[in-house]
Protein backbone atom coordinates (compact mmCIF):
# COMPACT_ATOMS: atom_id res chain seq x y z
CA MET A 1 -4.57 -13.79 -15.14
CA HIS A 2 -3.97 -13.68 -18.93
CA LEU A 3 -0.63 -13.06 -20.58
CA PRO A 4 -1.53 -9.64 -22.13
CA LEU A 5 -2.17 -8.22 -18.67
CA LEU A 6 1.05 -9.67 -17.29
CA ALA A 7 2.96 -8.23 -20.24
CA GLU A 8 1.36 -4.83 -19.72
CA LEU A 9 2.17 -4.88 -15.98
CA GLN A 10 5.76 -5.74 -16.78
CA HIS A 11 5.92 -3.07 -19.45
CA ARG A 12 4.72 -0.41 -17.05
CA ARG A 13 7.21 -1.47 -14.34
CA VAL A 14 4.39 -2.27 -11.86
CA PHE A 15 6.34 -5.23 -10.46
CA ARG A 16 9.41 -3.05 -9.97
CA ALA A 17 7.31 -0.46 -8.13
CA LEU A 18 5.87 -3.15 -5.85
CA VAL A 19 9.35 -4.47 -5.03
CA GLY A 20 10.50 -0.96 -4.19
CA TYR A 21 7.40 -0.41 -2.05
CA ALA A 22 8.00 -3.69 -0.19
CA ILE A 23 11.58 -2.66 0.59
CA ALA A 24 10.44 0.76 1.80
CA ALA A 25 7.68 -0.81 3.96
CA PHE A 26 10.18 -3.22 5.52
CA ALA A 27 12.49 -0.32 6.35
CA VAL A 28 9.62 1.61 7.97
CA LEU A 29 8.75 -1.37 10.18
CA GLN A 30 12.39 -1.78 11.22
CA VAL A 31 12.61 1.88 12.23
CA ILE A 32 9.23 2.15 13.97
CA GLU A 33 9.87 -0.61 16.54
CA PRO A 34 12.88 1.00 18.29
CA LEU A 35 11.11 4.36 18.09
CA MET A 36 8.12 2.86 19.92
CA HIS A 37 10.34 1.55 22.72
CA GLY A 38 12.37 4.73 23.00
CA LEU A 39 9.37 7.10 23.00
CA ARG A 40 7.16 4.68 24.99
CA TRP A 41 4.42 4.63 22.33
CA PRO A 42 1.63 2.08 22.87
CA ASP A 43 1.78 -1.29 21.10
CA ALA A 44 -1.22 -0.32 18.96
CA VAL A 45 1.01 2.04 16.95
CA ILE A 46 2.56 -0.85 15.04
CA SER A 47 -0.93 -2.06 14.04
CA TYR A 48 -1.82 1.34 12.57
CA VAL A 49 1.47 1.52 10.68
CA VAL A 50 0.80 -1.89 9.11
CA ALA A 51 -2.71 -0.76 8.20
CA VAL A 52 -1.41 2.38 6.46
CA LEU A 53 1.14 0.33 4.55
CA ALA A 54 -1.64 -2.05 3.44
CA VAL A 55 -3.75 0.84 2.14
CA GLY A 56 -0.70 2.10 0.24
CA PHE A 57 -0.43 -1.15 -1.71
CA PRO A 58 -3.28 -0.51 -4.24
CA LEU A 59 -2.24 3.14 -4.49
CA VAL A 60 1.26 2.12 -5.60
CA VAL A 61 -0.18 -0.30 -8.14
CA GLY A 62 -2.42 2.43 -9.52
CA LEU A 63 0.26 5.11 -9.68
CA ALA A 64 2.74 2.71 -11.29
CA TRP A 65 0.16 1.86 -13.98
CA ILE A 66 -0.90 5.46 -14.61
CA PHE A 67 2.58 6.95 -14.83
CA ASP A 68 4.28 3.97 -16.45
CA VAL A 69 7.41 3.99 -14.24
CA LYS A 70 10.58 3.33 -16.27
CA ALA A 71 14.24 3.70 -15.67
CA GLU A 72 14.41 6.89 -17.76
CA GLY A 73 11.41 8.50 -16.08
CA SER A 74 7.64 8.35 -16.23
CA GLU A 75 5.45 8.75 -19.29
CA GLN A 76 1.72 8.70 -19.96
CA PRO A 77 0.49 5.31 -21.13
CA ALA A 78 -0.77 4.56 -24.60
CA PRO A 79 -4.50 3.80 -24.80
CA ILE A 80 -5.34 0.20 -24.00
CA ARG A 81 -6.65 -1.39 -27.12
CA SER A 82 -8.13 -4.53 -25.78
CA ARG A 83 -11.47 -4.30 -23.97
CA ARG A 84 -10.74 -7.67 -22.39
CA LEU A 85 -7.45 -6.34 -21.04
CA ARG A 86 -9.24 -3.32 -19.56
CA LEU A 87 -11.69 -5.65 -17.80
CA GLU A 88 -8.86 -7.74 -16.35
CA ILE A 89 -7.13 -4.58 -15.09
CA LEU A 90 -10.34 -3.43 -13.40
CA LEU A 91 -10.77 -6.80 -11.73
CA ALA A 92 -7.15 -6.73 -10.53
CA TRP A 93 -7.68 -3.26 -9.06
CA VAL A 94 -10.83 -4.41 -7.24
CA ALA A 95 -8.99 -7.46 -5.89
CA ALA A 96 -6.11 -5.27 -4.60
CA LEU A 97 -8.54 -2.89 -2.88
CA VAL A 98 -10.47 -5.78 -1.29
CA ALA A 99 -7.19 -7.30 -0.04
CA ALA A 100 -6.10 -3.97 1.44
CA VAL A 101 -9.45 -3.42 3.18
CA GLY A 102 -9.37 -6.99 4.47
CA MET A 103 -5.87 -6.53 5.90
CA LEU A 104 -6.92 -3.21 7.47
CA TRP A 105 -9.87 -4.92 9.19
CA TYR A 106 -7.72 -7.87 10.32
CA VAL A 107 -5.01 -5.67 11.87
CA VAL A 108 -7.15 -2.91 13.42
CA ALA A 109 -10.84 -3.72 13.72
CA ARG A 110 -11.25 -7.50 14.04
CA PRO A 111 -12.40 -8.89 17.42
CA ARG A 112 -9.55 -10.63 19.18
CA ALA A 113 -9.88 -13.71 21.29
CA VAL A 114 -7.91 -13.58 24.49
CA ALA A 115 -5.31 -16.32 24.52
CA PRO A 116 -5.41 -18.39 27.69
CA SER A 117 -2.44 -17.84 29.97
CA ARG A 118 -0.19 -20.61 31.17
CA ASP A 119 -0.67 -19.17 34.65
CA GLU A 120 -4.48 -19.22 34.70
CA ALA A 121 -4.62 -21.20 37.92
CA LEU A 122 -2.26 -18.79 39.67
CA ARG A 123 -4.10 -15.75 38.32
CA ALA A 124 -7.33 -17.22 39.69
CA THR A 125 -5.66 -17.55 43.08
CA LEU A 126 -4.47 -13.95 42.94
CA ASP A 127 -7.81 -12.59 41.76
CA ALA A 128 -9.64 -14.49 44.48
CA ILE A 129 -7.88 -12.35 47.09
CA PRO A 130 -9.61 -8.96 47.19
CA PRO A 131 -7.91 -5.60 47.74
CA ALA A 132 -7.12 -4.47 51.26
CA SER A 133 -10.27 -2.36 51.54
CA GLU A 134 -12.36 -5.49 51.05
CA MET A 135 -10.11 -7.75 53.13
CA ARG A 136 -10.30 -5.87 56.41
CA PRO A 137 -13.74 -7.17 57.46
CA LEU A 138 -12.22 -10.67 57.45
CA PRO A 139 -10.67 -11.86 60.71
CA SER A 140 -7.12 -10.57 60.74
CA ILE A 141 -4.25 -11.09 63.11
CA ALA A 142 -0.67 -10.02 63.68
CA VAL A 143 1.65 -12.21 65.75
CA LEU A 144 3.99 -9.95 67.71
CA PRO A 145 7.44 -11.19 68.78
CA PHE A 146 7.22 -13.04 72.07
CA VAL A 147 9.12 -11.52 74.98
CA ASN A 148 12.19 -13.40 76.16
CA LEU A 149 11.93 -13.93 79.93
CA SER A 150 14.84 -16.35 80.15
CA SER A 151 17.76 -15.46 82.38
CA ASP A 152 20.00 -15.68 79.31
CA ARG A 153 19.31 -12.69 77.07
CA GLU A 154 20.89 -14.58 74.19
CA GLN A 155 17.80 -16.81 74.13
CA GLU A 156 15.89 -14.04 72.36
CA TYR A 157 16.21 -15.93 69.07
CA PHE A 158 14.19 -18.76 70.62
CA SER A 159 11.27 -16.55 71.70
CA ASP A 160 11.26 -14.87 68.28
CA GLY A 161 11.26 -18.27 66.62
CA MET A 162 8.28 -19.46 68.65
CA ALA A 163 6.21 -16.48 67.53
CA GLU A 164 7.26 -16.92 63.92
CA GLU A 165 6.38 -20.62 63.87
CA ILE A 166 2.91 -19.85 65.22
CA LEU A 167 2.52 -17.16 62.56
CA ASN A 168 3.43 -19.72 59.88
CA ALA A 169 0.84 -22.16 61.22
CA LEU A 170 -1.88 -19.50 61.16
CA ALA A 171 -0.98 -18.43 57.62
CA GLN A 172 -2.21 -21.81 56.37
CA ILE A 173 -5.83 -20.87 57.15
CA ASP A 174 -7.66 -19.59 54.09
CA GLY A 175 -10.25 -17.56 56.03
CA LEU A 176 -7.75 -15.69 58.18
CA ARG A 177 -5.67 -12.72 57.12
CA VAL A 178 -2.24 -12.99 58.77
CA ILE A 179 0.10 -10.00 58.74
CA GLY A 180 3.62 -10.84 57.58
CA ARG A 181 6.52 -11.39 59.92
CA THR A 182 8.56 -8.35 58.89
CA SER A 183 5.76 -5.93 59.72
CA SER A 184 4.71 -7.64 62.94
CA PHE A 185 8.27 -7.88 64.23
CA SER A 186 8.99 -4.22 63.49
CA PHE A 187 7.31 -3.37 66.80
CA LYS A 188 9.79 -5.41 68.80
CA GLY A 189 11.09 -3.50 71.82
CA ARG A 190 8.68 -0.59 71.30
CA ASN A 191 5.98 0.66 73.65
CA ASP A 192 3.23 1.39 71.12
CA ASP A 193 -0.26 0.72 72.47
CA LEU A 194 -2.18 -2.16 70.92
CA ARG A 195 -4.68 0.06 69.10
CA THR A 196 -1.85 1.95 67.35
CA ILE A 197 -0.14 -1.30 66.37
CA GLY A 198 -3.39 -2.68 65.01
CA GLN A 199 -4.02 0.46 62.95
CA LYS A 200 -0.51 0.49 61.48
CA LEU A 201 -0.68 -3.19 60.58
CA GLY A 202 -4.31 -3.26 59.49
CA ALA A 203 -4.96 -6.07 62.00
CA SER A 204 -8.07 -6.40 64.15
CA ASN A 205 -6.38 -8.83 66.55
CA LEU A 206 -2.93 -9.27 68.05
CA LEU A 207 -1.29 -12.34 69.51
CA GLU A 208 1.41 -11.57 72.05
CA GLY A 209 3.24 -13.70 74.56
CA SER A 210 6.42 -14.60 76.40
CA VAL A 211 8.86 -17.49 76.59
CA ARG A 212 10.94 -18.63 79.53
CA LYS A 213 13.48 -21.34 78.77
CA ALA A 214 15.42 -23.17 81.48
CA GLY A 215 17.40 -26.24 80.52
CA SER A 216 15.08 -28.69 78.83
CA ARG A 217 11.90 -26.98 80.11
CA ILE A 218 9.99 -24.06 78.60
CA ARG A 219 7.09 -21.96 79.80
CA ILE A 220 5.09 -20.23 77.07
CA THR A 221 2.36 -17.71 77.79
CA ALA A 222 0.15 -16.39 74.98
CA GLN A 223 -2.83 -14.05 74.83
CA LEU A 224 -5.10 -12.92 72.03
CA VAL A 225 -6.24 -9.30 72.17
CA GLU A 226 -8.82 -7.41 70.10
CA THR A 227 -7.14 -4.16 69.05
CA ARG A 228 -10.06 -1.75 68.87
CA GLY A 229 -11.37 -2.26 72.38
CA GLY A 230 -8.38 -3.99 73.97
CA SER A 231 -10.47 -6.94 75.18
CA HIS A 232 -8.76 -10.28 75.83
CA LEU A 233 -10.26 -13.02 73.69
CA TRP A 234 -8.10 -15.88 74.95
CA SER A 235 -4.99 -16.56 77.02
CA GLN A 236 -3.16 -19.60 78.32
CA ALA A 237 0.17 -20.71 79.78
CA PHE A 238 2.00 -23.88 78.78
CA ASP A 239 4.71 -25.65 80.81
CA ARG A 240 6.37 -28.31 78.68
CA ASP A 241 9.54 -30.15 77.84
CA LEU A 242 11.55 -28.63 75.01
CA THR A 243 10.74 -31.67 72.88
CA ASP A 244 7.02 -30.69 73.02
CA VAL A 245 7.57 -27.26 71.50
CA PHE A 246 5.87 -28.13 68.19
CA ALA A 247 2.76 -29.45 69.92
CA VAL A 248 2.51 -26.19 71.89
CA GLN A 249 2.76 -24.15 68.70
CA GLU A 250 -0.13 -26.12 67.20
CA GLU A 251 -2.22 -25.77 70.35
CA ILE A 252 -1.80 -22.01 70.38
CA ALA A 253 -2.60 -21.67 66.66
CA ARG A 254 -5.74 -23.81 66.99
CA ALA A 255 -6.88 -21.91 70.06
CA VAL A 256 -6.51 -18.62 68.18
CA VAL A 257 -8.55 -19.92 65.24
CA ALA A 258 -11.27 -21.13 67.61
CA ALA A 259 -11.34 -17.82 69.52
CA LEU A 260 -11.68 -15.82 66.29
CA LYS A 261 -14.46 -18.16 65.11
CA VAL A 262 -12.77 -18.64 61.75
CA LYS A 263 -14.76 -20.90 59.46
CA LEU A 264 -12.43 -23.68 58.41
CA LEU A 265 -12.59 -25.59 55.17
CA PRO A 266 -13.04 -29.38 55.41
CA GLY A 267 -9.79 -30.91 56.66
CA GLU A 268 -8.22 -27.48 57.24
CA THR A 269 -6.36 -26.93 60.50
CA PRO A 270 -3.19 -25.07 61.50
CA THR A 271 -0.34 -27.53 61.78
CA THR A 272 3.42 -27.61 62.28
CA LYS A 273 3.74 -31.13 60.84
CA GLU A 274 6.13 -30.14 58.04
CA ARG A 275 8.23 -27.98 60.39
CA ARG A 276 9.04 -30.61 62.98
CA THR A 277 12.33 -32.25 63.81
CA GLY A 278 13.10 -34.87 66.39
CA ASN A 279 16.46 -33.24 67.12
CA PRO A 280 16.20 -30.28 69.57
CA ASP A 281 19.73 -29.16 68.71
CA ALA A 282 18.85 -29.00 64.99
CA TYR A 283 15.79 -26.90 65.82
CA ASN A 284 17.90 -24.64 67.98
CA ARG A 285 20.39 -24.08 65.13
CA TYR A 286 17.49 -23.44 62.75
CA LEU A 287 16.03 -20.74 65.00
CA LEU A 288 19.48 -19.16 65.33
CA GLY A 289 19.72 -19.11 61.54
CA ARG A 290 16.30 -17.51 61.17
CA HIS A 291 17.26 -14.86 63.71
CA ALA A 292 20.46 -14.01 61.82
CA TYR A 293 18.66 -14.16 58.46
CA SER A 294 16.13 -11.56 59.61
CA HIS A 295 18.90 -8.96 60.06
CA ALA A 296 18.97 -8.67 56.23
CA ASN A 297 22.64 -7.73 55.92
CA PRO A 298 25.78 -9.56 54.70
CA ASP A 299 26.97 -10.51 58.18
CA GLY A 300 23.52 -11.85 59.05
CA TRP A 301 23.33 -13.94 55.88
CA ARG A 302 26.79 -15.42 56.51
CA ARG A 303 25.83 -16.41 60.05
CA ALA A 304 22.50 -17.76 58.78
CA VAL A 305 24.20 -20.01 56.22
CA LYS A 306 26.49 -21.39 58.93
CA ALA A 307 23.59 -22.06 61.33
CA PHE A 308 21.40 -23.71 58.68
CA GLU A 309 24.29 -25.91 57.54
CA GLU A 310 24.76 -27.03 61.14
CA ALA A 311 21.01 -27.74 61.42
CA VAL A 312 20.89 -30.01 58.35
CA ALA A 313 24.08 -31.74 59.45
CA LEU A 314 22.34 -32.63 62.73
CA ASP A 315 19.10 -33.62 60.97
CA PRO A 316 19.47 -34.17 57.19
CA GLY A 317 15.69 -34.63 56.94
CA TYR A 318 14.81 -31.19 58.34
CA ALA A 319 13.08 -29.48 55.38
CA PRO A 320 12.67 -25.91 56.78
CA ALA A 321 16.42 -25.65 57.37
CA TRP A 322 17.13 -26.77 53.80
CA ALA A 323 14.70 -24.17 52.43
CA TYR A 324 16.24 -21.30 54.37
CA LEU A 325 19.76 -22.50 53.64
CA SER A 326 18.86 -22.05 49.97
CA ASN A 327 17.45 -18.56 50.57
CA ALA A 328 20.43 -17.41 52.62
CA LYS A 329 22.94 -18.62 50.01
CA VAL A 330 21.12 -16.78 47.22
CA LEU A 331 21.01 -13.55 49.20
CA MET A 332 24.64 -13.82 50.17
CA LEU A 333 25.76 -14.44 46.58
CA GLY A 334 23.52 -11.73 45.17
CA ASN A 335 24.62 -9.05 47.59
CA ILE A 336 28.21 -10.00 48.43
CA GLY A 337 29.23 -11.67 45.17
CA GLY A 338 32.35 -13.74 44.70
CA THR A 339 34.45 -15.35 42.01
CA ARG A 340 32.78 -16.96 39.01
CA THR A 341 33.42 -20.41 40.45
CA GLU A 342 32.01 -19.43 43.86
CA ILE A 343 28.84 -18.05 42.26
CA VAL A 344 28.23 -21.02 39.97
CA GLU A 345 28.84 -23.55 42.74
CA GLY A 346 26.89 -21.51 45.28
CA LEU A 347 23.79 -21.22 43.07
CA ALA A 348 23.93 -24.92 42.24
CA SER A 349 24.16 -25.71 45.95
CA ALA A 350 21.22 -23.38 46.69
CA LEU A 351 19.07 -25.10 44.05
CA SER A 352 19.98 -28.50 45.46
CA ALA A 353 18.96 -27.35 48.96
CA ALA A 354 15.61 -26.08 47.68
CA GLU A 355 14.97 -29.35 45.84
CA LYS A 356 15.69 -31.27 49.05
CA ALA A 357 13.24 -29.10 50.99
CA VAL A 358 10.46 -29.82 48.47
CA ALA A 359 11.21 -33.54 48.38
CA LEU A 360 11.31 -33.84 52.18
CA ALA A 361 8.19 -31.75 52.87
CA PRO A 362 5.77 -31.51 49.92
CA ASP A 363 3.32 -29.50 52.06
CA LEU A 364 5.85 -26.86 53.16
CA ALA A 365 5.51 -23.57 51.28
CA ASP A 366 9.07 -22.47 52.12
CA GLY A 367 10.66 -25.06 49.82
CA TYR A 368 8.54 -24.06 46.81
CA LEU A 369 9.32 -20.37 47.28
CA ALA A 370 13.04 -21.09 47.52
CA ARG A 371 12.94 -23.23 44.39
CA ALA A 372 10.76 -20.78 42.43
CA ARG A 373 13.45 -18.11 42.57
CA LEU A 374 16.18 -20.47 41.44
CA ARG A 375 14.10 -21.98 38.66
CA THR A 376 13.71 -18.51 37.16
CA ASP A 377 17.16 -17.09 38.02
CA ILE A 378 19.22 -20.08 36.92
CA LYS A 379 17.09 -22.29 34.69
CA ARG A 380 14.97 -19.54 33.06
CA ASP A 381 12.06 -21.91 33.71
CA TRP A 382 9.27 -19.35 34.02
CA ALA A 383 6.44 -21.89 33.96
CA GLY A 384 8.16 -23.96 36.66
CA GLY A 385 8.71 -20.90 38.83
CA ALA A 386 5.06 -19.89 38.46
CA ALA A 387 3.93 -23.41 39.36
CA ASP A 388 6.01 -23.34 42.55
CA VAL A 389 4.51 -20.00 43.60
CA GLU A 390 1.03 -21.35 42.87
CA ARG A 391 1.69 -24.31 45.14
CA ALA A 392 3.04 -22.06 47.90
CA LEU A 393 -0.07 -19.86 47.76
CA ALA A 394 -2.32 -22.92 47.89
CA LEU A 395 -0.52 -24.00 51.07
CA ASN A 396 -0.30 -20.53 52.67
CA PRO A 397 -2.94 -18.18 51.20
CA SER A 398 -1.81 -15.27 53.40
CA ASP A 399 1.89 -15.58 52.56
CA ALA A 400 3.08 -12.14 51.46
CA ARG A 401 6.39 -13.67 50.39
CA ALA A 402 4.62 -15.71 47.72
CA PHE A 403 2.97 -12.67 46.16
CA GLY A 404 6.29 -10.85 46.24
CA ARG A 405 8.11 -13.77 44.65
CA TYR A 406 5.48 -14.06 41.92
CA ALA A 407 5.89 -10.37 41.08
CA TYR A 408 9.70 -10.26 41.23
CA SER A 409 10.70 -13.62 39.77
CA VAL A 410 7.92 -14.36 37.26
CA LEU A 411 5.78 -11.41 36.20
CA VAL A 412 8.44 -8.67 35.98
CA PRO A 413 10.84 -10.85 33.93
CA LEU A 414 8.00 -11.78 31.56
CA GLY A 415 7.10 -8.11 31.08
CA ARG A 416 3.62 -8.51 32.56
CA MET A 417 3.80 -5.28 34.52
CA PRO A 418 0.13 -4.65 35.43
CA GLU A 419 -0.05 -8.14 36.95
CA ALA A 420 3.32 -7.67 38.67
CA ILE A 421 2.14 -4.41 40.21
CA ALA A 422 -1.11 -6.03 41.40
CA ALA A 423 0.74 -8.97 42.98
CA ALA A 424 3.27 -6.67 44.66
CA ARG A 425 0.49 -4.46 46.04
CA LYS A 426 -1.21 -7.48 47.55
CA ALA A 427 2.10 -8.44 49.13
CA THR A 428 2.44 -4.99 50.73
CA GLU A 429 -1.15 -5.22 52.01
CA LEU A 430 -0.30 -8.47 53.78
CA ASP A 431 3.07 -7.25 55.07
CA PRO A 432 2.77 -3.43 55.05
CA LEU A 433 6.11 -2.61 56.67
CA ASN A 434 8.27 -4.95 54.59
CA ALA A 435 10.99 -3.02 52.74
CA TYR A 436 11.69 -5.82 50.26
CA LEU A 437 8.05 -5.93 49.13
CA TRP A 438 7.86 -2.15 48.75
CA GLY A 439 11.08 -2.34 46.75
CA THR A 440 9.53 -4.98 44.49
CA LEU A 441 6.49 -2.78 43.96
CA GLY A 442 8.67 0.26 43.27
CA GLN A 443 10.77 -1.60 40.71
CA ALA A 444 7.68 -2.90 38.88
CA LEU A 445 6.19 0.61 38.78
CA CYS A 446 9.48 2.02 37.48
CA PHE A 447 9.67 -0.62 34.76
CA ASN A 448 6.09 0.26 33.79
CA GLY A 449 6.96 3.96 33.44
CA GLU A 450 4.93 5.05 36.51
CA MET A 451 7.75 7.11 37.95
CA ASP A 452 5.89 9.13 40.61
CA ALA A 453 4.31 6.03 42.12
CA ALA A 454 7.64 4.18 41.84
CA ARG A 455 9.45 6.95 43.71
CA LYS A 456 6.92 6.85 46.57
CA ALA A 457 7.15 3.06 46.92
CA LEU A 458 10.96 3.07 46.84
CA ILE A 459 11.14 5.87 49.39
CA ARG A 460 8.92 3.82 51.69
CA ALA A 461 11.24 0.84 51.26
CA GLY A 462 14.15 3.04 52.33
CA GLU A 463 12.24 4.30 55.36
CA PHE A 464 11.55 0.77 56.56
CA ALA A 465 15.13 -0.47 55.91
CA PRO A 466 17.65 2.37 55.47
CA ASP A 467 20.52 -0.08 54.88
CA PHE A 468 18.70 -1.97 52.11
CA GLN A 469 20.67 -1.01 48.97
CA TRP A 470 18.59 -2.48 46.15
CA PRO A 471 15.63 -0.03 46.46
CA ALA A 472 18.14 2.82 46.80
CA PHE A 473 19.64 1.89 43.42
CA TRP A 474 16.26 2.00 41.68
CA LEU A 475 15.24 5.21 43.43
CA ALA A 476 18.29 6.86 41.88
CA ALA A 477 17.47 5.18 38.55
CA VAL A 478 14.05 6.86 38.59
CA ASP A 479 15.82 10.24 38.70
CA LEU A 480 18.18 9.15 35.91
CA LEU A 481 15.33 7.98 33.69
CA GLU A 482 13.47 11.24 34.27
CA GLY A 483 16.45 13.23 33.01
CA GLN A 484 17.83 14.33 36.38
CA PRO A 485 21.37 12.86 36.35
CA ALA A 486 22.73 15.27 39.01
CA LYS A 487 20.05 14.18 41.46
CA ALA A 488 20.64 10.54 40.53
CA LEU A 489 24.40 10.92 41.06
CA ALA A 490 23.87 12.30 44.56
CA ARG A 491 21.73 9.27 45.44
CA TYR A 492 24.12 6.76 43.85
CA GLU A 493 27.08 8.15 45.78
CA GLN A 494 25.26 7.36 49.05
CA ILE A 495 24.94 3.63 48.28
CA SER A 496 27.28 1.58 50.41
CA THR A 497 27.39 -1.56 48.22
CA ARG A 498 30.40 -0.83 46.05
CA TRP A 499 29.43 -2.49 42.75
CA SER A 500 25.95 -0.96 42.91
CA ARG A 501 27.39 2.49 43.60
CA LEU A 502 29.94 2.25 40.78
CA THR A 503 27.26 1.15 38.30
CA GLY A 504 25.07 4.11 39.12
CA VAL A 505 27.92 6.63 39.20
CA ALA A 506 29.17 5.49 35.77
CA MET A 507 25.71 5.98 34.25
CA ALA A 508 24.95 9.31 35.94
CA GLN A 509 28.34 10.80 35.09
CA HIS A 510 27.82 9.79 31.47
CA ASP A 511 24.44 11.50 31.35
CA LEU A 512 26.03 14.62 32.86
CA GLY A 513 28.58 14.65 30.05
CA HIS A 514 31.49 13.81 32.37
CA ALA A 515 33.15 11.19 30.18
CA ARG A 516 36.36 10.91 32.24
CA GLU A 517 34.57 10.37 35.56
CA SER A 518 32.16 7.89 33.97
CA GLN A 519 34.99 5.89 32.44
CA ALA A 520 36.91 5.82 35.72
CA ALA A 521 33.89 4.39 37.57
CA LEU A 522 33.26 1.82 34.83
CA GLU A 523 36.89 0.66 34.75
CA GLU A 524 36.82 0.25 38.52
CA LEU A 525 33.60 -1.74 38.29
CA ILE A 526 35.08 -4.05 35.64
CA ARG A 527 38.33 -4.46 37.58
CA GLU A 528 36.56 -5.41 40.82
CA ASN A 529 33.33 -7.10 39.68
CA ALA A 530 33.77 -8.57 36.21
CA ASP A 531 33.02 -12.03 37.60
CA ASP A 532 29.95 -11.22 39.68
CA ALA A 533 28.32 -8.13 38.09
CA PRO A 534 28.41 -8.55 34.29
CA TYR A 535 24.75 -7.52 34.01
CA GLN A 536 25.42 -4.17 35.71
CA ILE A 537 28.40 -3.57 33.41
CA ALA A 538 26.08 -4.23 30.46
CA GLU A 539 23.65 -1.64 31.85
CA VAL A 540 26.39 1.00 31.81
CA TYR A 541 27.39 0.23 28.21
CA ALA A 542 23.73 0.20 27.14
CA ARG A 543 23.23 3.61 28.72
CA ARG A 544 26.24 4.85 26.73
CA ARG A 545 24.79 3.33 23.51
CA ASN A 546 27.88 1.17 23.12
CA LEU A 547 25.79 -1.74 21.91
CA ASP A 548 28.57 -4.15 21.00
CA ARG A 549 30.11 -3.97 24.46
CA ALA A 550 26.68 -4.15 26.10
CA PHE A 551 25.82 -7.38 24.30
CA GLU A 552 29.27 -8.78 25.07
CA TRP A 553 28.65 -8.35 28.80
CA LEU A 554 25.07 -9.63 28.56
CA GLU A 555 26.45 -12.82 27.04
CA ARG A 556 28.83 -13.07 29.98
CA ALA A 557 25.89 -12.59 32.32
CA TYR A 558 24.01 -15.37 30.52
CA ALA A 559 26.95 -17.76 30.77
CA LEU A 560 27.55 -17.11 34.51
CA PRO A 561 24.48 -17.04 35.12
CA ASP A 562 23.98 -13.57 36.61
CA VAL A 563 20.69 -13.47 38.54
CA GLY A 564 20.16 -9.86 37.46
CA LEU A 565 19.65 -11.05 33.89
CA ILE A 566 16.03 -11.98 34.62
CA ASP A 567 15.21 -8.26 34.17
CA VAL A 568 16.65 -8.06 30.66
CA LYS A 569 13.23 -7.82 28.96
CA SER A 570 11.83 -5.11 31.23
CA ASP A 571 14.82 -3.10 32.47
CA PRO A 572 14.46 0.52 31.23
CA LEU A 573 18.22 1.01 31.58
CA LEU A 574 18.58 -1.34 28.59
CA GLN A 575 16.05 0.42 26.36
CA ASN A 576 18.76 1.49 23.89
CA LEU A 577 19.23 -2.17 22.95
CA HIS A 578 15.63 -2.92 21.98
CA GLY A 579 15.96 -2.27 18.27
CA ASP A 580 19.01 -4.50 17.82
CA PRO A 581 18.41 -8.04 16.44
CA ARG A 582 20.80 -9.38 19.08
CA TYR A 583 18.36 -8.24 21.76
CA ARG A 584 15.53 -10.35 20.38
CA ALA A 585 17.92 -13.27 19.99
CA LEU A 586 18.86 -13.02 23.67
CA LEU A 587 15.22 -12.91 24.75
CA LYS A 588 14.54 -16.02 22.68
CA LYS A 589 17.52 -17.81 24.20
CA MET A 590 16.16 -17.01 27.67
CA ASN A 591 12.68 -18.33 26.81
CA LEU A 592 11.21 -14.86 27.25
CA PRO A 593 8.34 -13.55 25.09
CA LEU A 594 9.42 -11.39 22.14
CA ASP A 595 6.44 -9.03 22.15
C-alpha cells in the first residue's frame, strides 16, 4: 500500500471509523451470548451474528470514505486527483469484500469436520446396545428375590443376597439382557403372576428360588421359568456347606445360561471369582450391608456403612465390601451432610475405599463405578470418570448402574445432554422400575429444556420411590422454570429433606415476589447448612440475580468440594450467571468445556 492512499485514509478518518466499528462489534458479541442462554437460542445464532458483522466491515470502510468522517461532522470528499490512487482504493475495496465473503463462508457455510471425542470407545459401547424395542428378542431374564425359608426371619438379607449375587454373575454375559436389581426386587412379597411380572419388567424369563439356612448348612432351590407360557426350563436343589455358597452361585448362573442357550463369547462364563471371600462372617456382614443399603434412606445408609466397615475389618482383601462402603459413604454425606471437616474427610475416605476395591479386584465392575463418581465429584477428572464407566460396561454389559453413572456423573456435567438422555434411557430400559435412574433421566431432560418429558420421568421416579427427595426437588424446579412458582412452592414444601426444602422455598418465594419469606428461608438455609450445601445457597442467589453472592458461594462449593457443583455448567437454575466472566473462569477451573 502506497503512502498517498494511507494519507487519504487517515485524512478521511477511515481508521477511526474502523476502531469505532470494532468496539461496537465487540459490545454486540458480549451482549448476544447471555441473551442466547437466557432465551435458549440455538448456538448457530452466534455464527450468523459474526457473519453479519463481517459483511458490515467493507460497508463501514466505504461509508467512512464517501462521507469523510471528521470530528466536526461529515463532508463530501474532494475529487481524487491521482489515477494511481483511485486504482489502489479500488483494489483495497475488492480485498475488503473478498475478506468479508471469505469470513462469511468460513463461519456459516464451510463443511466442518467432526472432532473425535475423548470418549469414542465408550460411545461405541453405548451405541452397540440397541433400544429396548430391538433388545427384547434377545434372551432376557429377571432374577427375583429368593424366598427365605429359614426359621429365623432375620435371615432374609441372606436369601436376598444370594439372588443378587447370581444376578451380578449373569450380568457379565454379553448376549443376555439382565433386568436390574431394583426392578426385579420390587416384586418381593407380592403375588403377581409370572406373566404379569415378565411384562412389567420386559423379561422373557424369570429365575426364582428359596434359601434355607441352618447353622453352617444351606439348601438353595432355584428354577428358571419362561414367562409367556409358564414352562419350567430348569430347576435344581443344592445342599451345601456355607463355605460353598460362591460355587453354588456360579453353578446356578451357568445352568441358566445353558438352559437359555445363550451364545457365549470365547472365554466368557458367569463367575463370582471377584466376589469371593474366605471369611463367612465377612460375607455375612457384606450381605447385611447390601440389605440395609437397598432401603435407600439415611438410616439404611448409616447401617450399611457400619456393616461394610465390619466386613473389611474381618477381611481387608474383600473388594465388593470396599466398593459398597465407598458408595454408602457418598450417599450418606450427600443426603445427610455434616460439618466441613466431616464432608472432606468422608469423601477422601470414600475415594480411598473405591481405589482399594479396584486394586483388589480389577475385574469387578463395582469398584470402577464407585471410583467414577468420586473422580468426577471430587477430582473433576471427567476423562478418568468416563474411563472407569467404560471399564465397568466392558465387564458387565447389562449393568444399568453403569449407564446411569455415565449420564449423571460424566455427560450431564459436560453439557452433552443428548448423549446423557440416551444413556439414561438405556439405563431405565435395563432397570425399568428404578427411581434413581428415572430421576437421572428427568434431570437430564430438564437441563435440556424438555420440560414435559422431564416432568413425566420425575413423576415416575416419585411413584417408584415416594421418599426419594432428589427427583422431587427437580420436579418442583420444572414448575419454577416454566414460570409457575406457586405450583413449585407447593411441591417444595412437601420435601422432607430440610436443606432441599429451604432451597426450593427461597427460590419460589422470590419468584412470587415474597421477598420477606424468601429471605427468611435463605437465612435459615445458611444458618443450618453453610458447611454442607454451599451450591444450593448459590442457586438461590443466582435465581435472585445477586451475582456477587452467587459466585461467593460457588467458590465455597469449589473449595469444599460440594458434589452438587458438577452440575454448574448445565444447571438451569444458574442461567443468570452465564454472561458473567467469572462463570467462564469457574468452568475453566473445573476443567469443563467453555462452549
